[in-house]
PDB file of N, CA and C in Angstrom:
ATOM      1  N   MET A   1     -13.304 -10.420 118.946  1.00  0.00           N
ATOM      2  CA  MET A   1     -12.474  -9.702 119.152  1.00  0.00           C
ATOM      3  C   MET A   1     -12.662  -7.922 119.600  1.00  0.00           C
ATOM      4  N   PRO A   2     -11.644  -6.988 120.083  1.00  0.00           N
ATOM      5  CA  PRO A   2     -11.688  -6.115 120.027  1.00  0.00           C
ATOM      6  C   PRO A   2     -11.519  -4.774 119.472  1.00  0.00           C
ATOM      7  N   LYS A   3     -12.641  -4.078 119.519  1.00  0.00           N
ATOM      8  CA  LYS A   3     -12.330  -3.234 118.245  1.00  0.00           C
ATOM      9  C   LYS A   3     -11.582  -2.406 118.057  1.00  0.00           C
ATOM     10  N   ILE A   4     -11.731  -1.412 117.187  1.00  0.00           N
ATOM     11  CA  ILE A   4      -9.972  -0.900 116.923  1.00  0.00           C
ATOM     12  C   ILE A   4     -10.487   0.677 117.667  1.00  0.00           C
ATOM     13  N   LYS A   5      -9.558   1.189 118.030  1.00  0.00           N
ATOM     14  CA  LYS A   5     -10.253   2.570 117.658  1.00  0.00           C
ATOM     15  C   LYS A   5      -9.174   3.726 117.601  1.00  0.00           C
ATOM     16  N   THR A   6     -10.185   4.164 117.419  1.00  0.00           N
ATOM     17  CA  THR A   6     -10.093   6.140 115.917  1.00  0.00           C
ATOM     18  C   THR A   6      -9.162   6.197 116.743  1.00  0.00           C
ATOM     19  N   HIS A   7      -7.914   7.113 115.643  1.00  0.00           N
ATOM     20  CA  HIS A   7      -6.891   8.103 116.569  1.00  0.00           C
ATOM     21  C   HIS A   7      -7.871   9.692 115.516  1.00  0.00           C
ATOM     22  N   LYS A   8      -8.580   9.940 117.440  1.00  0.00           N
ATOM     23  CA  LYS A   8      -9.168  10.978 117.012  1.00  0.00           C
ATOM     24  C   LYS A   8      -8.133  12.486 116.685  1.00  0.00           C
ATOM     25  N   ALA A   9      -7.514  12.417 117.051  1.00  0.00           N
ATOM     26  CA  ALA A   9      -7.067  13.919 116.439  1.00  0.00           C
ATOM     27  C   ALA A   9      -6.721  13.436 114.685  1.00  0.00           C
ATOM     28  N   THR A  10      -6.866  12.568 114.234  1.00  0.00           N
ATOM     29  CA  THR A  10      -6.352  11.939 112.076  1.00  0.00           C
ATOM     30  C   THR A  10      -7.737  12.588 111.419  1.00  0.00           C
ATOM     31  N   VAL A  11      -9.022  11.887 112.915  1.00  0.00           N
ATOM     32  CA  VAL A  11     -10.509  12.237 112.176  1.00  0.00           C
ATOM     33  C   VAL A  11     -10.621  13.723 112.103  1.00  0.00           C
ATOM     34  N   LYS A  12     -10.375  14.704 112.866  1.00  0.00           N
ATOM     35  CA  LYS A  12     -10.405  15.823 112.889  1.00  0.00           C
ATOM     36  C   LYS A  12      -9.939  16.564 111.945  1.00  0.00           C
ATOM     37  N   ARG A  13      -8.735  15.946 110.708  1.00  0.00           N
ATOM     38  CA  ARG A  13      -7.521  16.462 110.200  1.00  0.00           C
ATOM     39  C   ARG A  13      -8.589  16.847 108.917  1.00  0.00           C
ATOM     40  N   PHE A  14      -8.588  15.026 108.513  1.00  0.00           N
ATOM     41  CA  PHE A  14      -8.766  14.235 107.027  1.00  0.00           C
ATOM     42  C   PHE A  14     -10.278  13.764 107.345  1.00  0.00           C
ATOM     43  N   LYS A  15     -10.749  13.805 106.008  1.00  0.00           N
ATOM     44  CA  LYS A  15     -12.130  13.547 105.680  1.00  0.00           C
ATOM     45  C   LYS A  15     -12.686  13.164 104.778  1.00  0.00           C
ATOM     46  N   ARG A  16     -13.115  12.077 104.372  1.00  0.00           N
ATOM     47  CA  ARG A  16     -13.272  10.698 103.470  1.00  0.00           C
ATOM     48  C   ARG A  16     -14.481  11.715 102.433  1.00  0.00           C
ATOM     49  N   THR A  17     -14.853  11.730 101.013  1.00  0.00           N
ATOM     50  CA  THR A  17     -15.468  11.990 100.346  1.00  0.00           C
ATOM     51  C   THR A  17     -16.200  10.450 100.571  1.00  0.00           C
ATOM     52  N   ALA A  18     -17.674  10.994  99.208  1.00  0.00           N
ATOM     53  CA  ALA A  18     -18.044  10.155  98.535  1.00  0.00           C
ATOM     54  C   ALA A  18     -17.302   9.323  97.683  1.00  0.00           C
ATOM     55  N   THR A  19     -16.797   9.406  97.060  1.00  0.00           N
ATOM     56  CA  THR A  19     -15.887   8.589  96.544  1.00  0.00           C
ATOM     57  C   THR A  19     -14.547   7.990  97.077  1.00  0.00           C
ATOM     58  N   ASN A  20     -14.796   7.609  98.903  1.00  0.00           N
ATOM     59  CA  ASN A  20     -14.041   7.348  98.987  1.00  0.00           C
ATOM     60  C   ASN A  20     -12.358   7.573  99.189  1.00  0.00           C
ATOM     61  N   LYS A  21     -12.425   9.403  98.246  1.00  0.00           N
ATOM     62  CA  LYS A  21     -10.633   9.626  98.710  1.00  0.00           C
ATOM     63  C   LYS A  21     -10.906  10.721  99.717  1.00  0.00           C
ATOM     64  N   LEU A  22      -9.682  10.752 100.100  1.00  0.00           N
ATOM     65  CA  LEU A  22      -9.444  11.940 101.357  1.00  0.00           C
ATOM     66  C   LEU A  22      -8.801  13.038 100.743  1.00  0.00           C
ATOM     67  N   THR A  23      -9.867  13.701 102.180  1.00  0.00           N
ATOM     68  CA  THR A  23      -9.212  15.326 101.957  1.00  0.00           C
ATOM     69  C   THR A  23      -8.636  16.133 103.625  1.00  0.00           C
ATOM     70  N   GLN A  24      -8.235  16.852 103.407  1.00  0.00           N
ATOM     71  CA  GLN A  24      -7.664  17.975 104.665  1.00  0.00           C
ATOM     72  C   GLN A  24      -7.567  19.553 103.883  1.00  0.00           C
ATOM     73  N   ARG A  25      -7.250  20.376 104.238  1.00  0.00           N
ATOM     74  CA  ARG A  25      -7.361  21.455 104.661  1.00  0.00           C
ATOM     75  C   ARG A  25      -6.014  22.036 104.347  1.00  0.00           C
ATOM     76  N   LYS A  26      -4.790  22.870 103.203  1.00  0.00           N
ATOM     77  CA  LYS A  26      -4.156  23.547 102.725  1.00  0.00           C
ATOM     78  C   LYS A  26      -3.385  23.642 104.364  1.00  0.00           C
ATOM     79  N   SER A  27      -2.541  23.281 105.044  1.00  0.00           N
ATOM     80  CA  SER A  27      -1.489  24.056 106.338  1.00  0.00           C
ATOM     81  C   SER A  27      -0.770  25.744 105.086  1.00  0.00           C
ATOM     82  N   GLY A  28      -0.320  25.964 106.577  1.00  0.00           N
ATOM     83  CA  GLY A  28       0.281  27.065 106.714  1.00  0.00           C
ATOM     84  C   GLY A  28      -0.323  28.369 106.310  1.00  0.00           C
ATOM     85  N   GLN A  29      -2.049  28.131 107.310  1.00  0.00           N
ATOM     86  CA  GLN A  29      -2.845  29.262 107.540  1.00  0.00           C
ATOM     87  C   GLN A  29      -2.834  29.957 108.553  1.00  0.00           C
ATOM     88  N   ASP A  30      -1.988  29.723 109.692  1.00  0.00           N
ATOM     89  CA  ASP A  30      -2.198  30.512 111.216  1.00  0.00           C
ATOM     90  C   ASP A  30      -1.892  31.423 110.860  1.00  0.00           C
ATOM     91  N   HIS A  31      -0.958  31.528 111.220  1.00  0.00           N
ATOM     92  CA  HIS A  31      -0.549  33.193 110.580  1.00  0.00           C
ATOM     93  C   HIS A  31       0.722  33.279 109.647  1.00  0.00           C
ATOM     94  N   PHE A  32       1.357  34.699 109.945  1.00  0.00           N
ATOM     95  CA  PHE A  32       2.472  34.989 108.336  1.00  0.00           C
ATOM     96  C   PHE A  32       1.175  35.276 107.210  1.00  0.00           C
ATOM     97  N   ASN A  33       0.086  35.438 107.360  1.00  0.00           N
ATOM     98  CA  ASN A  33      -0.106  35.757 105.798  1.00  0.00           C
ATOM     99  C   ASN A  33      -0.295  36.710 104.884  1.00  0.00           C
ATOM    100  N   ALA A  34      -0.010  37.861 106.797  1.00  0.00           N
ATOM    101  CA  ALA A  34      -0.217  39.272 105.357  1.00  0.00           C
ATOM    102  C   ALA A  34       0.555  39.375 104.465  1.00  0.00           C
ATOM    103  N   ARG A  35       2.199  38.958 104.422  1.00  0.00           N
ATOM    104  CA  ARG A  35       3.193  39.482 103.858  1.00  0.00           C
ATOM    105  C   ARG A  35       2.891  38.493 102.242  1.00  0.00           C
ATOM    106  N   GLU A  36       2.186  37.535 102.580  1.00  0.00           N
ATOM    107  CA  GLU A  36       1.993  36.221 101.345  1.00  0.00           C
ATOM    108  C   GLU A  36       0.739  37.048  99.963  1.00  0.00           C
ATOM    109  N   THR A  37       0.882  36.694  98.627  1.00  0.00           N
ATOM    110  CA  THR A  37       0.274  37.542  97.696  1.00  0.00           C
ATOM    111  C   THR A  37      -1.001  37.056  97.864  1.00  0.00           C
ATOM    112  N   GLY A  38      -1.635  37.773  97.274  1.00  0.00           N
ATOM    113  CA  GLY A  38      -3.408  37.108  97.255  1.00  0.00           C
ATOM    114  C   GLY A  38      -4.019  35.905  96.345  1.00  0.00           C
ATOM    115  N   ASN A  39      -3.124  35.831  95.433  1.00  0.00           N
ATOM    116  CA  ASN A  39      -3.068  34.546  94.856  1.00  0.00           C
ATOM    117  C   ASN A  39      -2.897  32.977  95.874  1.00  0.00           C
ATOM    118  N   THR A  40      -1.748  33.315  96.839  1.00  0.00           N
ATOM    119  CA  THR A  40      -1.592  32.058  97.898  1.00  0.00           C
ATOM    120  C   THR A  40      -2.251  32.319  98.521  1.00  0.00           C
ATOM    121  N   THR A  41      -2.770  33.616  99.183  1.00  0.00           N
ATOM    122  CA  THR A  41      -4.074  33.715 100.321  1.00  0.00           C
ATOM    123  C   THR A  41      -5.763  32.721  99.920  1.00  0.00           C
ATOM    124  N   ARG A  42      -5.344  33.101  97.519  1.00  0.00           N
ATOM    125  CA  ARG A  42      -7.253  32.255  97.617  1.00  0.00           C
ATOM    126  C   ARG A  42      -7.147  30.449  97.240  1.00  0.00           C
ATOM    127  N   GLN A  43      -6.055  30.182  97.834  1.00  0.00           N
ATOM    128  CA  GLN A  43      -5.173  29.025  96.838  1.00  0.00           C
ATOM    129  C   GLN A  43      -5.381  28.177  97.805  1.00  0.00           C
ATOM    130  N   LYS A  44      -4.416  28.664  99.317  1.00  0.00           N
ATOM    131  CA  LYS A  44      -5.211  27.820 100.787  1.00  0.00           C
ATOM    132  C   LYS A  44      -6.087  28.095 101.449  1.00  0.00           C
ATOM    133  N   ARG A  45      -6.998  28.890 100.890  1.00  0.00           N
ATOM    134  CA  ARG A  45      -9.037  28.022 101.288  1.00  0.00           C
ATOM    135  C   ARG A  45      -8.974  27.460 100.592  1.00  0.00           C
ATOM    136  N   LEU A  46      -8.715  26.430 100.030  1.00  0.00           N
ATOM    137  CA  LEU A  46      -9.586  25.491  99.358  1.00  0.00           C
ATOM    138  C   LEU A  46      -8.472  24.128  99.752  1.00  0.00           C
ATOM    139  N   ASP A  47      -9.337  23.138  99.259  1.00  0.00           N
ATOM    140  CA  ASP A  47      -9.205  21.371  99.815  1.00  0.00           C
ATOM    141  C   ASP A  47      -8.889  20.666  99.239  1.00  0.00           C
ATOM    142  N   ILE A  48      -6.906  20.446 100.110  1.00  0.00           N
ATOM    143  CA  ILE A  48      -6.005  19.025  98.487  1.00  0.00           C
ATOM    144  C   ILE A  48      -6.871  18.117  99.028  1.00  0.00           C
ATOM    145  N   THR A  49      -7.321  17.676  97.947  1.00  0.00           N
ATOM    146  CA  THR A  49      -6.372  15.745  98.428  1.00  0.00           C
ATOM    147  C   THR A  49      -5.190  14.899  98.892  1.00  0.00           C
ATOM    148  N   THR A  50      -5.817  14.377  99.437  1.00  0.00           N
ATOM    149  CA  THR A  50      -4.380  13.456 100.342  1.00  0.00           C
ATOM    150  C   THR A  50      -3.286  12.828  99.699  1.00  0.00           C
ATOM    151  N   HIS A  51      -2.370  13.133  99.312  1.00  0.00           N
ATOM    152  CA  HIS A  51      -1.297  12.225  98.682  1.00  0.00           C
ATOM    153  C   HIS A  51      -1.452   9.987  99.543  1.00  0.00           C
ATOM    154  N   LYS A  52      -0.750   9.765  98.427  1.00  0.00           N
ATOM    155  CA  LYS A  52      -1.362   8.203  97.973  1.00  0.00           C
ATOM    156  C   LYS A  52      -0.813   7.324  99.445  1.00  0.00           C
ATOM    157  N   THR A  53       0.663   8.065  99.389  1.00  0.00           N
ATOM    158  CA  THR A  53       1.612   7.334  99.924  1.00  0.00           C
ATOM    159  C   THR A  53       0.564   7.669 101.735  1.00  0.00           C
ATOM    160  N   LEU A  54       0.113   8.790 101.752  1.00  0.00           N
ATOM    161  CA  LEU A  54      -0.859   8.866 103.594  1.00  0.00           C
ATOM    162  C   LEU A  54      -1.695   7.941 104.141  1.00  0.00           C
ATOM    163  N   THR A  55      -2.333   7.547 101.843  1.00  0.00           N
ATOM    164  CA  THR A  55      -3.552   7.253 102.613  1.00  0.00           C
ATOM    165  C   THR A  55      -3.744   5.303 103.427  1.00  0.00           C
ATOM    166  N   LYS A  56      -3.427   4.610 103.688  1.00  0.00           N
ATOM    167  CA  LYS A  56      -3.112   3.200 103.660  1.00  0.00           C
ATOM    168  C   LYS A  56      -2.587   3.464 105.022  1.00  0.00           C
ATOM    169  N   THR A  57      -1.708   4.461 105.607  1.00  0.00           N
ATOM    170  CA  THR A  57      -1.692   4.896 106.710  1.00  0.00           C
ATOM    171  C   THR A  57      -3.332   5.726 107.713  1.00  0.00           C
ATOM    172  N   ILE A  58      -3.239   6.422 107.340  1.00  0.00           N
ATOM    173  CA  ILE A  58      -4.666   6.964 107.992  1.00  0.00           C
ATOM    174  C   ILE A  58      -6.052   6.150 107.671  1.00  0.00           C
ATOM    175  N   LYS A  59      -6.389   5.809 106.971  1.00  0.00           N
ATOM    176  CA  LYS A  59      -7.669   4.862 106.565  1.00  0.00           C
ATOM    177  C   LYS A  59      -7.099   3.795 107.945  1.00  0.00           C
ATOM    178  N   ALA A  60      -6.220   2.597 108.141  1.00  0.00           N
ATOM    179  CA  ALA A  60      -5.592   2.445 109.044  1.00  0.00           C
ATOM    180  C   ALA A  60      -6.650   2.599 111.041  1.00  0.00           C
ATOM    181  N   LEU A  61      -5.836   4.038 110.937  1.00  0.00           N
ATOM    182  CA  LEU A  61      -6.246   5.184 111.769  1.00  0.00           C
ATOM    183  C   LEU A  61      -7.446   5.466 112.409  1.00  0.00           C
ATOM    184  N   THR A  62      -8.263   5.336 111.130  1.00  0.00           N
ATOM    185  CA  THR A  62      -9.291   6.090 111.807  1.00  0.00           C
ATOM    186  C   THR A  62     -10.637   4.508 110.491  1.00  0.00           C
ATOM    187  N   PRO A  63     -11.167   2.921 111.397  1.00  0.00           N
ATOM    188  CA  PRO A  63     -11.993   2.305 110.966  1.00  0.00           C
ATOM    189  C   PRO A  63     -12.689   2.158 110.318  1.00  0.00           C
ATOM    190  N   TYR A  64     -13.672   3.743 111.659  1.00  0.00           N
ATOM    191  CA  TYR A  64     -15.010   3.434 111.150  1.00  0.00           C
ATOM    192  C   TYR A  64     -15.161   5.198 111.205  1.00  0.00           C
ATOM    193  N   ASN A  65     -14.606   5.595 110.149  1.00  0.00           N
ATOM    194  CA  ASN A  65     -14.800   7.013 110.195  1.00  0.00           C
ATOM    195  C   ASN A  65     -14.871   7.401 108.201  1.00  0.00           C
TER     196      ASN A  65
END
């Protein structure tokens, strides 16, 4: 049986924690951030846990990571 290919873009965006949860970077950090409040800017620095509906798909795309 052949190996399953890893989806490289998914590997770059999501990380698995020690307890096998998925974390991702908060979106919307690229540009237009000067108009945002300081509270929003601080919130965007944190990583967030991925929603449960996406975890099955992401785990299928990244079998060895």
